[in-house]
């Protein structure tokens, strides 16, 4: 048996790794000719005990390595620039929740430990984590080329290279995905452009799901291999948020809708009673007082019932069956006092099941899907208005259809920073420079222009020169994040999590769980949040091509 101290950090914790004796050069030499150009995103699932991760990181590639928490903390993942995630084949649930897709996936011995009955499921998972044109490199110890090549053909992958290693004991394959092959975009195009519509409801449901996938994916969870579960209360909340400005502008949403009449989700004591509540306030983490909470609860119940009876029921596959089935029991009782709009409350309304291939399309292609939705929505509104002999200005429709993100609001973070400055020293998280009230700025870790997010975890104390001149609208690089981890975690603890009020710690955790998809609903630590931030950084960099900032030596303290 091999020495346990040389056990790989990747894959199943108790697995022995008999190939540690091989030289690193032999391990990765075959990858050199096929590696993608930097900055590609790489997922390493146990290729040669993390040496492949180290190789990729030293070539300037962004690496996510599947590793156990203890192994990553102990330093067995050998580069500080590697992001790690505690996950397992065949489910890869946390990797899925990240919402990222990869240019290059490296797969080693964990494949051999997948049960034969789970092989097809595991392979399907790997394929859907690849970007179109991405490659899957497999290096393992069993002669299973026929099995893998058969799976590749079934899933539309091209076998680019197949053979053995120099010692003839290992099999190596290189597969490429020419197209995503999921059928998600054709299905969405059909619903948006061709499906029969008697109102704007189907478009609203798709747009709500796009928005949730983009900004609140942390509240979704895997239900089974085919579906992601989204809180029905969250769907209803975003539904109300979408329709409030449209109805306030008097824009018809069906042929016979005028004002807010003849819409199934608009009722007295519910939607109509929310006139004085801004749609911008309808967000996860909201803590309305008792009076508003009761009205909002009634509104969400009405919206949830309507969504289930109308767009979720009538959005079907060509062969029959609902695309977005709903699981729920009785509607929850109205709250007697103020209630936080958190995951538990929003799930109490039920769960909407979203097919995984559609969910991933919402996450990856929202930049193309949403304009199609709003263009068709605008066309429908114009047609309804024409039939009612009404003249509606196109710019009025455009304004009402804009998804209005909250305005930049850093007041809470600034107030906490100034309070800390009165008691002790405070330093810029990025450079370590000592801050004063005059030099203090509050920086969005992930720039507002790329991802409008006012969550407390995203707001960092920064030197004004660093924020406004050096970093500006760029993402912190992974090296900078690692170097700044101690200062960031200290800031989160001192400013929010250890605050004497219970509201700030609760708000910090709820916001992080909603917007950082790898956290999940369990209790989380600042270190968990930091890890989720590094993973989200990789997604923003590669999905949105946000430029990276790694400060020069003269930009540090």
Protein backbone atom coordinates (compact mmCIF):
# COMPACT_ATOMS: atom_id res chain seq x y z
CA UNK A 1 0.00 0.00 0.00
CA UNK A 2 1.24 3.50 -0.69
CA UNK A 3 2.26 5.84 2.09
CA UNK A 4 -0.90 7.72 3.19
CA UNK A 5 1.12 10.94 3.29
CA UNK A 6 1.38 10.78 -0.50
CA UNK A 7 -2.33 10.27 -1.02
CA UNK A 8 -3.91 12.52 -3.60
CA UNK A 9 -6.05 15.41 -2.40
CA UNK A 10 -8.40 14.89 -5.28
CA UNK A 11 -11.50 12.70 -5.33
CA UNK A 12 -12.57 10.23 -2.68
CA UNK A 13 -10.77 10.93 0.57
CA UNK A 14 -9.91 7.29 1.33
CA UNK A 15 -8.65 6.34 -2.13
CA UNK A 16 -5.05 5.21 -2.54
CA UNK A 17 -3.03 6.60 -5.42
CA UNK A 18 -0.49 4.11 -6.82
CA UNK A 19 0.89 6.45 -9.46
CA UNK A 20 2.57 9.00 -7.19
CA UNK A 21 5.97 7.66 -8.17
CA UNK A 22 5.65 8.83 -11.74
CA UNK A 23 7.61 11.94 -12.62
CA UNK A 24 5.65 15.18 -13.05
CA UNK A 25 7.17 15.60 -16.50
CA UNK A 26 5.66 12.33 -17.74
CA UNK A 27 2.35 13.19 -16.16
CA UNK A 28 1.72 16.44 -17.99
CA UNK A 29 3.95 16.33 -21.06
CA UNK A 30 1.12 15.08 -23.27
CA UNK A 31 -1.05 18.02 -22.18
CA UNK A 32 1.40 20.70 -23.31
CA UNK A 33 0.54 20.42 -26.99
CA UNK A 34 -3.20 20.68 -26.38
CA UNK A 35 -3.51 23.16 -23.52
CA UNK A 36 -5.71 26.16 -24.25
CA UNK A 37 -4.23 29.66 -24.23
CA UNK A 38 -4.35 31.70 -21.05
CA UNK A 39 -6.66 32.78 -19.45
CA UNK A 40 -8.66 29.59 -19.93
CA UNK A 41 -10.66 28.03 -17.10
CA UNK A 42 -9.61 24.50 -16.10
CA UNK A 43 -11.39 21.94 -13.91
CA UNK A 44 -9.10 19.26 -12.46
CA UNK A 45 -10.84 16.11 -11.24
CA UNK A 46 -7.99 14.06 -9.88
CA UNK A 47 -5.47 14.00 -12.72
CA UNK A 48 -2.27 12.70 -11.12
CA UNK A 49 -2.70 13.78 -7.52
CA UNK A 50 -3.04 17.52 -8.22
CA UNK A 51 0.17 17.74 -10.24
CA UNK A 52 -1.95 18.57 -13.29
CA UNK A 53 -3.51 21.46 -11.36
CA UNK A 54 -0.08 22.79 -10.48
CA UNK A 55 1.07 22.40 -14.08
CA UNK A 56 -1.97 24.31 -15.38
CA UNK A 57 -1.60 27.08 -12.79
CA UNK A 58 2.07 27.60 -13.68
CA UNK A 59 1.01 28.02 -17.33
CA UNK A 60 -1.22 30.97 -16.41
CA UNK A 61 -4.49 29.04 -16.57
CA UNK A 62 -7.26 29.55 -14.01
CA UNK A 63 -7.76 26.30 -12.13
CA UNK A 64 -10.61 24.91 -10.05
CA UNK A 65 -9.52 21.69 -8.36
CA UNK A 66 -11.93 19.25 -6.74
CA UNK A 67 -10.38 18.61 -3.33
CA UNK A 68 -11.43 17.89 0.23
CA UNK A 69 -11.46 20.82 2.65
CA UNK A 70 -8.83 19.23 4.91
CA UNK A 71 -6.47 18.58 2.02
CA UNK A 72 -6.81 22.10 0.67
CA UNK A 73 -6.26 23.59 4.15
CA UNK A 74 -3.20 21.40 4.68
CA UNK A 75 -1.59 22.71 1.51
CA UNK A 76 -1.63 19.50 -0.50
CA UNK A 77 -3.17 21.46 -3.35
CA UNK A 78 0.19 22.85 -4.23
CA UNK A 79 -0.46 26.38 -5.59
CA UNK A 80 -2.12 29.32 -3.90
CA UNK A 81 -3.55 30.36 -7.26
CA UNK A 82 -5.70 27.20 -7.47
CA UNK A 83 -9.29 27.51 -6.34
CA UNK A 84 -10.54 24.35 -4.65
CA UNK A 85 -14.03 23.00 -4.22
CA UNK A 86 -15.05 20.06 -2.04
CA UNK A 87 -17.07 17.88 -4.43
CA UNK A 88 -17.40 14.34 -5.76
CA UNK A 89 -18.23 12.39 -8.89
CA UNK A 90 -20.75 11.42 -10.12
CA UNK A 91 -22.97 14.25 -8.80
CA UNK A 92 -20.51 17.20 -8.88
CA UNK A 93 -23.29 19.14 -7.18
CA UNK A 94 -21.21 22.07 -5.87
CA UNK A 95 -19.36 22.41 -9.16
CA UNK A 96 -22.71 22.61 -10.92
CA UNK A 97 -23.97 25.24 -8.52
CA UNK A 98 -21.02 27.45 -9.39
CA UNK A 99 -22.64 28.01 -12.78
CA UNK A 100 -19.29 28.14 -14.60
CA UNK A 101 -18.29 26.21 -17.70
CA UNK A 102 -14.76 25.14 -18.48
CA UNK A 103 -12.40 25.30 -21.45
CA UNK A 104 -10.48 22.25 -20.27
CA UNK A 105 -11.46 19.43 -17.91
CA UNK A 106 -8.75 17.08 -16.60
CA UNK A 107 -10.03 13.73 -15.36
CA UNK A 108 -7.99 11.04 -13.62
CA UNK A 109 -8.50 8.13 -11.24
CA UNK A 110 -11.85 9.29 -9.77
CA UNK A 111 -13.42 8.02 -13.00
CA UNK A 112 -12.38 4.45 -12.12
CA UNK A 113 -14.20 4.65 -8.81
CA UNK A 114 -17.54 5.64 -10.32
CA UNK A 115 -19.92 2.71 -10.17
CA UNK A 116 -20.69 1.20 -13.61
CA UNK A 117 -24.36 2.08 -13.21
CA UNK A 118 -23.39 5.73 -12.61
CA UNK A 119 -20.93 6.10 -15.52
CA UNK A 120 -23.45 7.55 -17.99
CA UNK A 121 -24.72 10.02 -15.40
CA UNK A 122 -21.19 11.12 -14.49
CA UNK A 123 -20.21 11.55 -18.12
CA UNK A 124 -23.30 13.64 -18.82
CA UNK A 125 -22.30 15.89 -15.93
CA UNK A 126 -18.82 16.37 -17.38
CA UNK A 127 -20.16 17.18 -20.84
CA UNK A 128 -22.49 19.88 -19.55
CA UNK A 129 -19.61 21.51 -17.66
CA UNK A 130 -17.69 22.00 -20.92
CA UNK A 131 -17.90 25.16 -22.98
CA UNK A 132 -18.70 24.67 -26.68
CA UNK A 133 -15.33 23.82 -28.18
CA UNK A 134 -13.97 22.78 -24.79
CA UNK A 135 -11.86 19.67 -24.29
CA UNK A 136 -11.97 16.77 -21.85
CA UNK A 137 -8.60 15.08 -21.21
CA UNK A 138 -8.72 11.70 -19.47
CA UNK A 139 -5.71 9.91 -17.97
CA UNK A 140 -6.56 6.80 -15.95
CA UNK A 141 -5.30 3.32 -15.14
CA UNK A 142 -8.01 1.11 -16.63
CA UNK A 143 -8.30 0.04 -20.28
CA UNK A 144 -11.72 1.60 -20.78
CA UNK A 145 -11.35 3.36 -24.12
CA UNK A 146 -14.28 1.55 -25.69
CA UNK A 147 -16.59 2.51 -22.82
CA UNK A 148 -15.60 6.17 -22.84
CA UNK A 149 -15.59 6.49 -26.62
CA UNK A 150 -19.10 5.05 -26.70
CA UNK A 151 -20.24 7.59 -24.10
CA UNK A 152 -18.55 10.34 -26.10
CA UNK A 153 -20.47 9.43 -29.25
CA UNK A 154 -23.75 9.30 -27.33
CA UNK A 155 -23.15 12.81 -26.00
CA UNK A 156 -21.90 14.35 -29.21
CA UNK A 157 -18.20 14.61 -28.35
CA UNK A 158 -15.42 14.14 -30.87
CA UNK A 159 -12.53 11.80 -30.02
CA UNK A 160 -9.46 13.82 -31.02
CA UNK A 161 -6.79 11.52 -29.62
CA UNK A 162 -6.76 8.06 -28.04
CA UNK A 163 -3.88 5.90 -26.88
CA UNK A 164 -1.67 4.72 -24.05
CA UNK A 165 0.98 6.35 -21.91
CA UNK A 166 4.66 5.48 -22.27
CA UNK A 167 4.41 2.75 -19.62
CA UNK A 168 1.42 1.21 -21.48
CA UNK A 169 -0.44 0.85 -18.19
CA UNK A 170 -2.53 3.94 -18.57
CA UNK A 171 -5.17 5.07 -21.03
CA UNK A 172 -5.34 8.60 -22.36
CA UNK A 173 -8.11 10.20 -24.37
CA UNK A 174 -8.76 13.70 -25.61
CA UNK A 175 -12.39 14.59 -26.36
CA UNK A 176 -13.87 17.82 -27.72
CA UNK A 177 -17.38 19.25 -27.48
CA UNK A 178 -18.25 20.90 -30.82
CA UNK A 179 -21.54 22.35 -29.54
CA UNK A 180 -23.42 22.42 -26.24
CA UNK A 181 -25.90 19.92 -27.71
CA UNK A 182 -28.46 20.32 -24.92
CA UNK A 183 -31.35 21.63 -26.99
CA UNK A 184 -31.88 24.41 -24.44
CA UNK A 185 -31.62 27.34 -26.84
CA UNK A 186 -33.96 25.87 -29.50
CA UNK A 187 -36.55 25.14 -26.78
CA UNK A 188 -36.27 28.68 -25.39
CA UNK A 189 -36.48 30.19 -28.88
CA UNK A 190 -39.64 28.18 -29.48
CA UNK A 191 -41.26 29.39 -26.24
CA UNK A 192 -40.24 33.00 -26.87
CA UNK A 193 -41.00 33.32 -30.56
CA UNK A 194 -43.36 30.56 -31.67
CA UNK A 195 -45.39 29.30 -28.73
CA UNK A 196 -48.99 30.45 -28.58
CA UNK A 197 -49.51 33.24 -26.04
CA UNK A 198 -52.73 34.79 -24.76
CA UNK A 199 -50.78 37.07 -22.40
CA UNK A 200 -47.20 38.00 -21.50
CA UNK A 201 -47.05 35.38 -18.74
CA UNK A 202 -44.73 32.85 -20.41
CA UNK A 203 -42.24 35.59 -21.23
CA UNK A 204 -42.43 36.86 -17.66
CA UNK A 205 -41.71 33.40 -16.26
CA UNK A 206 -38.65 32.94 -18.50
CA UNK A 207 -37.34 36.37 -17.63
CA UNK A 208 -37.85 35.77 -13.91
CA UNK A 209 -35.82 32.55 -14.17
CA UNK A 210 -33.09 34.36 -16.12
CA UNK A 211 -32.87 36.96 -13.37
CA UNK A 212 -32.80 34.39 -10.59
CA UNK A 213 -30.09 32.39 -12.37
CA UNK A 214 -28.02 35.56 -12.73
CA UNK A 215 -28.46 37.17 -9.32
CA UNK A 216 -29.90 34.67 -6.83
CA UNK A 217 -28.60 31.28 -7.95
CA UNK A 218 -27.44 30.54 -4.42
CA UNK A 219 -31.06 29.87 -3.42
CA UNK A 220 -31.48 27.13 -6.04
CA UNK A 221 -30.55 23.54 -5.23
CA UNK A 222 -30.26 20.27 -7.06
CA UNK A 223 -33.42 18.17 -6.89
CA UNK A 224 -32.29 15.28 -9.10
CA UNK A 225 -30.07 14.70 -12.12
CA UNK A 226 -32.53 16.46 -14.41
CA UNK A 227 -33.82 19.41 -12.37
CA UNK A 228 -32.77 22.36 -10.27
CA UNK A 229 -35.21 23.45 -7.57
CA UNK A 230 -36.00 27.18 -7.37
CA UNK A 231 -38.08 28.62 -4.48
CA UNK A 232 -41.60 29.29 -5.74
CA UNK A 233 -41.76 32.28 -3.41
CA UNK A 234 -38.69 33.74 -5.13
CA UNK A 235 -40.28 33.21 -8.56
CA UNK A 236 -43.38 35.03 -7.26
CA UNK A 237 -41.28 37.83 -5.75
CA UNK A 238 -39.44 38.50 -9.02
CA UNK A 239 -42.74 38.18 -10.90
CA UNK A 240 -44.28 40.98 -8.84
CA UNK A 241 -41.12 43.05 -9.25
CA UNK A 242 -41.29 42.68 -13.05
CA UNK A 243 -44.96 43.59 -13.35
CA UNK A 244 -45.15 46.56 -10.94
CA UNK A 245 -43.53 49.13 -13.30
CA UNK A 246 -45.41 47.72 -16.32
CA UNK A 247 -48.81 48.11 -14.67
CA UNK A 248 -47.88 51.46 -13.14
CA UNK A 249 -47.26 52.65 -16.71
CA UNK A 250 -50.68 51.30 -17.79
CA UNK A 251 -49.23 48.89 -20.35
CA UNK A 252 -51.58 46.04 -21.36
CA UNK A 253 -50.40 42.49 -20.64
CA UNK A 254 -53.23 40.68 -22.45
CA UNK A 255 -55.75 41.67 -25.14
CA UNK A 256 -58.41 42.70 -22.60
CA UNK A 257 -56.19 43.99 -19.79
CA UNK A 258 -56.60 47.68 -18.97
CA UNK A 259 -54.79 49.08 -15.95
CA UNK A 260 -54.53 46.28 -13.41
CA UNK A 261 -57.87 44.66 -14.26
CA UNK A 262 -58.31 41.14 -15.68
CA UNK A 263 -54.94 39.86 -14.50
CA UNK A 264 -55.14 36.73 -12.38
CA UNK A 265 -52.41 37.68 -9.90
CA UNK A 266 -53.75 41.21 -9.17
CA UNK A 267 -56.20 41.25 -6.27
CA UNK A 268 -57.48 43.61 -3.59
CA UNK A 269 -55.52 43.30 -0.38
CA UNK A 270 -52.53 41.99 -2.33
CA UNK A 271 -50.87 43.48 -5.42
CA UNK A 272 -53.06 46.60 -5.38
CA UNK A 273 -52.15 47.26 -1.75
CA UNK A 274 -48.43 47.33 -2.63
CA UNK A 275 -48.68 50.53 -4.67
CA UNK A 276 -46.55 52.48 -2.20
CA UNK A 277 -43.81 49.82 -2.05
CA UNK A 278 -41.12 50.35 -4.70
CA UNK A 279 -40.37 47.39 -6.94
CA UNK A 280 -36.69 48.02 -6.14
CA UNK A 281 -37.39 47.08 -2.52
CA UNK A 282 -38.67 43.64 -3.51
CA UNK A 283 -35.47 41.68 -2.99
CA UNK A 284 -34.03 38.73 -1.12
CA UNK A 285 -33.17 39.68 2.44
CA UNK A 286 -35.91 42.32 2.66
CA UNK A 287 -37.32 42.68 6.19
CA UNK A 288 -40.71 44.40 5.85
CA UNK A 289 -42.67 45.45 8.90
CA UNK A 290 -45.72 43.48 9.99
CA UNK A 291 -48.27 45.45 7.93
CA UNK A 292 -46.28 45.31 4.69
CA UNK A 293 -45.30 41.69 5.39
CA UNK A 294 -48.95 40.59 5.48
CA UNK A 295 -49.76 42.41 2.23
CA UNK A 296 -46.63 41.11 0.51
CA UNK A 297 -47.36 37.57 1.69
CA UNK A 298 -50.87 37.76 0.21
CA UNK A 299 -49.40 39.12 -3.02
CA UNK A 300 -46.85 36.32 -3.26
CA UNK A 301 -49.54 33.70 -2.60
CA UNK A 302 -51.69 35.16 -5.40
CA UNK A 303 -48.72 35.31 -7.77
CA UNK A 304 -47.59 31.75 -6.93
CA UNK A 305 -51.06 30.32 -7.59
CA UNK A 306 -51.32 32.22 -10.86
CA UNK A 307 -47.86 31.14 -12.03
CA UNK A 308 -48.73 27.50 -11.31
CA UNK A 309 -52.11 27.70 -13.05
CA UNK A 310 -51.00 29.68 -16.10
CA UNK A 311 -47.43 29.90 -17.47
CA UNK A 312 -46.03 26.88 -15.59
CA UNK A 313 -49.02 24.77 -16.65
CA UNK A 314 -49.14 25.87 -20.30
CA UNK A 315 -45.39 25.96 -21.03
CA UNK A 316 -45.00 22.41 -22.33
CA UNK A 317 -42.73 20.28 -24.45
CA UNK A 318 -43.81 19.42 -27.98
CA UNK A 319 -44.33 15.85 -26.81
CA UNK A 320 -46.37 16.96 -23.80
CA UNK A 321 -45.54 17.54 -20.14
CA UNK A 322 -44.78 20.76 -18.28
CA UNK A 323 -41.34 22.25 -18.78
CA UNK A 324 -41.43 23.84 -15.30
CA UNK A 325 -43.44 21.57 -12.95
CA UNK A 326 -44.15 22.77 -9.42
CA UNK A 327 -44.07 20.89 -6.14
CA UNK A 328 -46.00 22.43 -3.29
CA UNK A 329 -48.50 21.72 -0.59
CA UNK A 330 -50.77 24.23 1.13
CA UNK A 331 -49.77 27.86 0.95
CA UNK A 332 -47.98 29.07 4.11
CA UNK A 333 -49.92 31.08 6.66
CA UNK A 334 -49.69 34.84 6.67
CA UNK A 335 -47.00 36.10 9.09
CA UNK A 336 -48.16 37.77 12.27
CA UNK A 337 -45.08 40.01 12.41
CA UNK A 338 -42.14 41.16 10.32
CA UNK A 339 -40.60 38.32 8.32
CA UNK A 340 -37.26 38.10 6.54
CA UNK A 341 -37.43 37.20 2.84
CA UNK A 342 -34.83 34.45 3.10
CA UNK A 343 -34.52 31.03 1.51
CA UNK A 344 -36.60 29.21 4.13
CA UNK A 345 -39.52 31.60 3.75
CA UNK A 346 -39.38 31.64 -0.05
CA UNK A 347 -39.22 27.83 -0.23
CA UNK A 348 -42.26 27.57 2.05
CA UNK A 349 -44.42 28.45 -0.99
CA UNK A 350 -43.14 25.41 -2.87
CA UNK A 351 -40.47 24.54 -5.43
CA UNK A 352 -40.37 25.12 -9.18
CA UNK A 353 -38.40 22.45 -11.03
CA UNK A 354 -36.21 23.89 -13.79
CA UNK A 355 -34.56 21.45 -16.23
CA UNK A 356 -30.83 21.55 -15.66
CA UNK A 357 -29.97 22.24 -19.30
CA UNK A 358 -32.30 25.26 -19.28
CA UNK A 359 -30.93 26.47 -15.94
CA UNK A 360 -27.41 26.36 -17.30
CA UNK A 361 -28.55 28.19 -20.43
CA UNK A 362 -30.08 30.92 -18.24
CA UNK A 363 -26.75 31.24 -16.43
CA UNK A 364 -24.50 31.11 -19.47
CA UNK A 365 -26.53 32.81 -22.21
CA UNK A 366 -28.64 35.36 -20.35
CA UNK A 367 -26.91 38.13 -22.29
CA UNK A 368 -28.58 36.76 -25.46
CA UNK A 369 -31.78 35.30 -24.01
CA UNK A 370 -33.05 38.37 -22.17
CA UNK A 371 -32.95 40.77 -25.15
CA UNK A 372 -35.02 38.25 -27.12
CA UNK A 373 -37.52 38.08 -24.27
CA UNK A 374 -37.88 41.84 -23.92
CA UNK A 375 -38.15 42.36 -27.70
CA UNK A 376 -41.01 39.84 -27.92
CA UNK A 377 -42.64 41.30 -24.80
CA UNK A 378 -42.50 44.76 -26.36
CA UNK A 379 -44.07 43.41 -29.56
CA UNK A 380 -46.92 41.79 -27.61
CA UNK A 381 -47.64 44.96 -25.61
CA UNK A 382 -47.71 46.99 -28.82
CA UNK A 383 -50.14 44.53 -30.40
CA UNK A 384 -52.45 44.52 -27.38
CA UNK A 385 -52.47 48.32 -27.27
CA UNK A 386 -53.24 48.51 -31.00
CA UNK A 387 -56.25 46.21 -30.60
CA UNK A 388 -57.49 48.43 -27.79
CA UNK A 389 -57.06 51.49 -30.04
CA UNK A 390 -54.45 52.92 -27.71
CA UNK A 391 -51.32 54.79 -28.70
CA UNK A 392 -48.41 53.67 -26.49
CA UNK A 393 -45.01 55.26 -27.09
CA UNK A 394 -42.25 52.67 -27.64
CA UNK A 395 -39.99 54.47 -25.19
CA UNK A 396 -42.62 54.06 -22.48
CA UNK A 397 -42.53 50.30 -23.00
CA UNK A 398 -38.73 50.32 -23.04
CA UNK A 399 -38.53 52.13 -19.70
CA UNK A 400 -41.04 49.82 -18.01
CA UNK A 401 -39.25 46.70 -19.26
CA UNK A 402 -35.86 47.71 -17.87
CA UNK A 403 -34.80 45.51 -14.96
CA UNK A 404 -33.78 48.22 -12.53
CA UNK A 405 -30.95 47.15 -10.29
CA UNK A 406 -30.67 48.92 -6.95
CA UNK A 407 -28.70 52.12 -6.95
CA UNK A 408 -25.22 52.03 -5.52
CA UNK A 409 -25.64 52.12 -1.77
CA UNK A 410 -22.59 51.72 0.43
CA UNK A 411 -23.90 53.62 3.46
CA UNK A 412 -23.89 50.64 5.85
CA UNK A 413 -20.37 49.56 4.88
CA UNK A 414 -19.05 53.15 5.14
CA UNK A 415 -20.69 53.67 8.52
CA UNK A 416 -19.17 50.46 9.89
CA UNK A 417 -15.73 51.40 8.52
CA UNK A 418 -15.87 54.84 10.16
CA UNK A 419 -16.93 53.27 13.46
CA UNK A 420 -13.97 50.88 13.28
CA UNK A 421 -11.62 53.77 12.51
CA UNK A 422 -12.68 55.48 15.72
CA UNK A 423 -11.63 52.43 17.72
CA UNK A 424 -8.52 51.18 15.90
CA UNK A 425 -6.55 51.12 12.67
CA UNK A 426 -8.22 50.03 9.44
CA UNK A 427 -6.37 49.05 6.27
CA UNK A 428 -7.17 48.82 2.57
CA UNK A 429 -8.01 45.17 1.89
CA UNK A 430 -6.14 45.26 -1.43
CA UNK A 431 -2.90 47.07 -0.61
CA UNK A 432 -2.64 47.05 3.19
CA UNK A 433 -2.36 50.86 3.26
CA UNK A 434 -3.58 52.45 6.47
CA UNK A 435 -6.88 54.28 6.00
CA UNK A 436 -8.20 57.52 7.41
CA UNK A 437 -11.68 59.05 7.14
CA UNK A 438 -10.37 61.22 4.28
CA UNK A 439 -8.76 58.36 2.31
CA UNK A 440 -11.50 55.76 2.93
CA UNK A 441 -13.47 54.48 -0.06
CA UNK A 442 -15.89 51.56 -0.20
CA UNK A 443 -15.04 49.37 -3.18
CA UNK A 444 -17.16 46.75 -4.91
CA UNK A 445 -14.97 43.65 -4.91
CA UNK A 446 -16.73 42.58 -8.12
CA UNK A 447 -17.19 45.78 -10.13
CA UNK A 448 -20.66 47.22 -10.40
CA UNK A 449 -20.42 47.49 -14.19
CA UNK A 450 -19.99 43.70 -14.47
CA UNK A 451 -22.32 42.53 -11.70
CA UNK A 452 -24.51 45.08 -9.87
CA UNK A 453 -24.38 43.74 -6.33
CA UNK A 454 -24.79 45.73 -3.12
CA UNK A 455 -24.43 42.72 -0.81
CA UNK A 456 -22.38 43.41 2.29
CA UNK A 457 -19.80 40.73 1.45
CA UNK A 458 -19.04 42.54 -1.83
CA UNK A 459 -18.25 45.91 -0.20
CA UNK A 460 -14.64 46.35 0.90
CA UNK A 461 -12.72 49.21 2.58
CA UNK A 462 -10.22 50.53 0.09
CA UNK A 463 -7.86 53.47 -0.24
CA UNK A 464 -9.47 56.09 -2.44
CA UNK A 465 -6.50 56.15 -4.82
CA UNK A 466 -6.61 52.36 -5.15
CA UNK A 467 -10.35 52.28 -5.79
CA UNK A 468 -10.67 55.25 -8.14
CA UNK A 469 -7.35 55.13 -10.01
CA UNK A 470 -5.75 51.69 -9.81
CA UNK A 471 -8.47 49.01 -9.54
CA UNK A 472 -11.43 50.86 -11.03
CA UNK A 473 -13.79 48.55 -12.99
CA UNK A 474 -11.61 45.45 -12.81
CA UNK A 475 -11.82 42.14 -10.98
CA UNK A 476 -9.24 41.37 -8.31
CA UNK A 477 -6.98 38.59 -9.60
CA UNK A 478 -6.85 35.26 -7.79
CA UNK A 479 -3.37 36.05 -6.49
CA UNK A 480 -4.58 39.35 -5.06
CA UNK A 481 -7.59 37.66 -3.46
CA UNK A 482 -5.35 35.09 -1.80
CA UNK A 483 -2.95 37.77 -0.55
CA UNK A 484 -5.88 39.81 0.80
CA UNK A 485 -7.79 36.94 2.42
CA UNK A 486 -6.78 37.72 5.99
CA UNK A 487 -7.73 41.40 5.69
CA UNK A 488 -11.03 40.57 3.94
CA UNK A 489 -12.11 38.00 6.54
CA UNK A 490 -11.10 40.36 9.34
CA UNK A 491 -13.25 43.10 7.77
CA UNK A 492 -16.26 40.80 7.43
CA UNK A 493 -15.95 39.68 11.04
CA UNK A 494 -15.37 43.09 12.60
CA UNK A 495 -17.84 45.05 10.51
CA UNK A 496 -20.76 42.62 10.16
CA UNK A 497 -20.54 39.14 11.66
CA UNK A 498 -19.44 40.22 15.17
CA UNK A 499 -21.61 43.33 15.25
CA UNK A 500 -23.69 43.70 18.43
CA UNK A 501 -26.93 43.95 16.45
CA UNK A 502 -28.36 40.69 15.14
CA UNK A 503 -29.51 42.30 11.89
CA UNK A 504 -26.09 42.75 10.27
CA UNK A 505 -24.82 39.17 10.76
CA UNK A 506 -28.16 37.80 9.55
CA UNK A 507 -28.21 40.07 6.51
CA UNK A 508 -24.59 39.23 5.61
CA UNK A 509 -25.26 35.46 5.60
CA UNK A 510 -28.61 35.67 3.79
CA UNK A 511 -27.15 37.84 1.02
CA UNK A 512 -24.10 35.63 0.59
CA UNK A 513 -26.19 32.45 0.42
CA UNK A 514 -28.48 34.02 -2.18
CA UNK A 515 -25.85 35.36 -4.56
CA UNK A 516 -22.88 32.99 -4.16
CA UNK A 517 -24.20 29.72 -5.58
CA UNK A 518 -21.66 27.35 -4.05
CA UNK A 519 -22.52 28.21 -0.43
CA UNK A 520 -25.84 26.43 -0.08
CA UNK A 521 -28.29 26.67 2.83
CA UNK A 522 -26.11 25.22 5.62
CA UNK A 523 -24.36 27.32 8.26
CA UNK A 524 -21.41 29.08 6.69
CA UNK A 525 -18.20 30.63 7.98
CA UNK A 526 -16.30 33.66 6.61
CA UNK A 527 -13.81 31.20 5.12
CA UNK A 528 -16.65 29.48 3.26
CA UNK A 529 -17.79 32.85 1.90
CA UNK A 530 -14.25 33.70 0.81
CA UNK A 531 -13.93 30.39 -1.05
CA UNK A 532 -17.25 31.07 -2.78
CA UNK A 533 -15.96 34.53 -3.78
CA UNK A 534 -12.88 33.03 -5.46
CA UNK A 535 -15.08 30.64 -7.42
CA UNK A 536 -17.48 33.40 -8.47
CA UNK A 537 -14.48 35.47 -9.57
CA UNK A 538 -13.54 32.71 -12.00
CA UNK A 539 -17.05 32.63 -13.42
CA UNK A 540 -17.21 36.42 -13.94
CA UNK A 541 -13.78 36.49 -15.51
CA UNK A 542 -14.53 33.79 -18.04
CA UNK A 543 -18.25 34.24 -18.69
CA UNK A 544 -18.20 38.04 -18.89
CA UNK A 545 -14.54 38.62 -19.80
CA UNK A 546 -14.11 41.17 -17.00
CA UNK A 547 -10.50 42.45 -16.98
CA UNK A 548 -8.27 41.45 -14.07
CA UNK A 549 -6.30 43.69 -11.72
CA UNK A 550 -3.17 42.43 -9.99
CA UNK A 551 -1.46 45.48 -8.42
CA UNK A 552 2.13 46.30 -9.19
CA UNK A 553 4.58 46.55 -6.33
CA UNK A 554 4.35 50.36 -6.40
CA UNK A 555 0.55 50.11 -5.99
CA UNK A 556 0.91 48.21 -2.72
CA UNK A 557 1.88 49.61 0.63
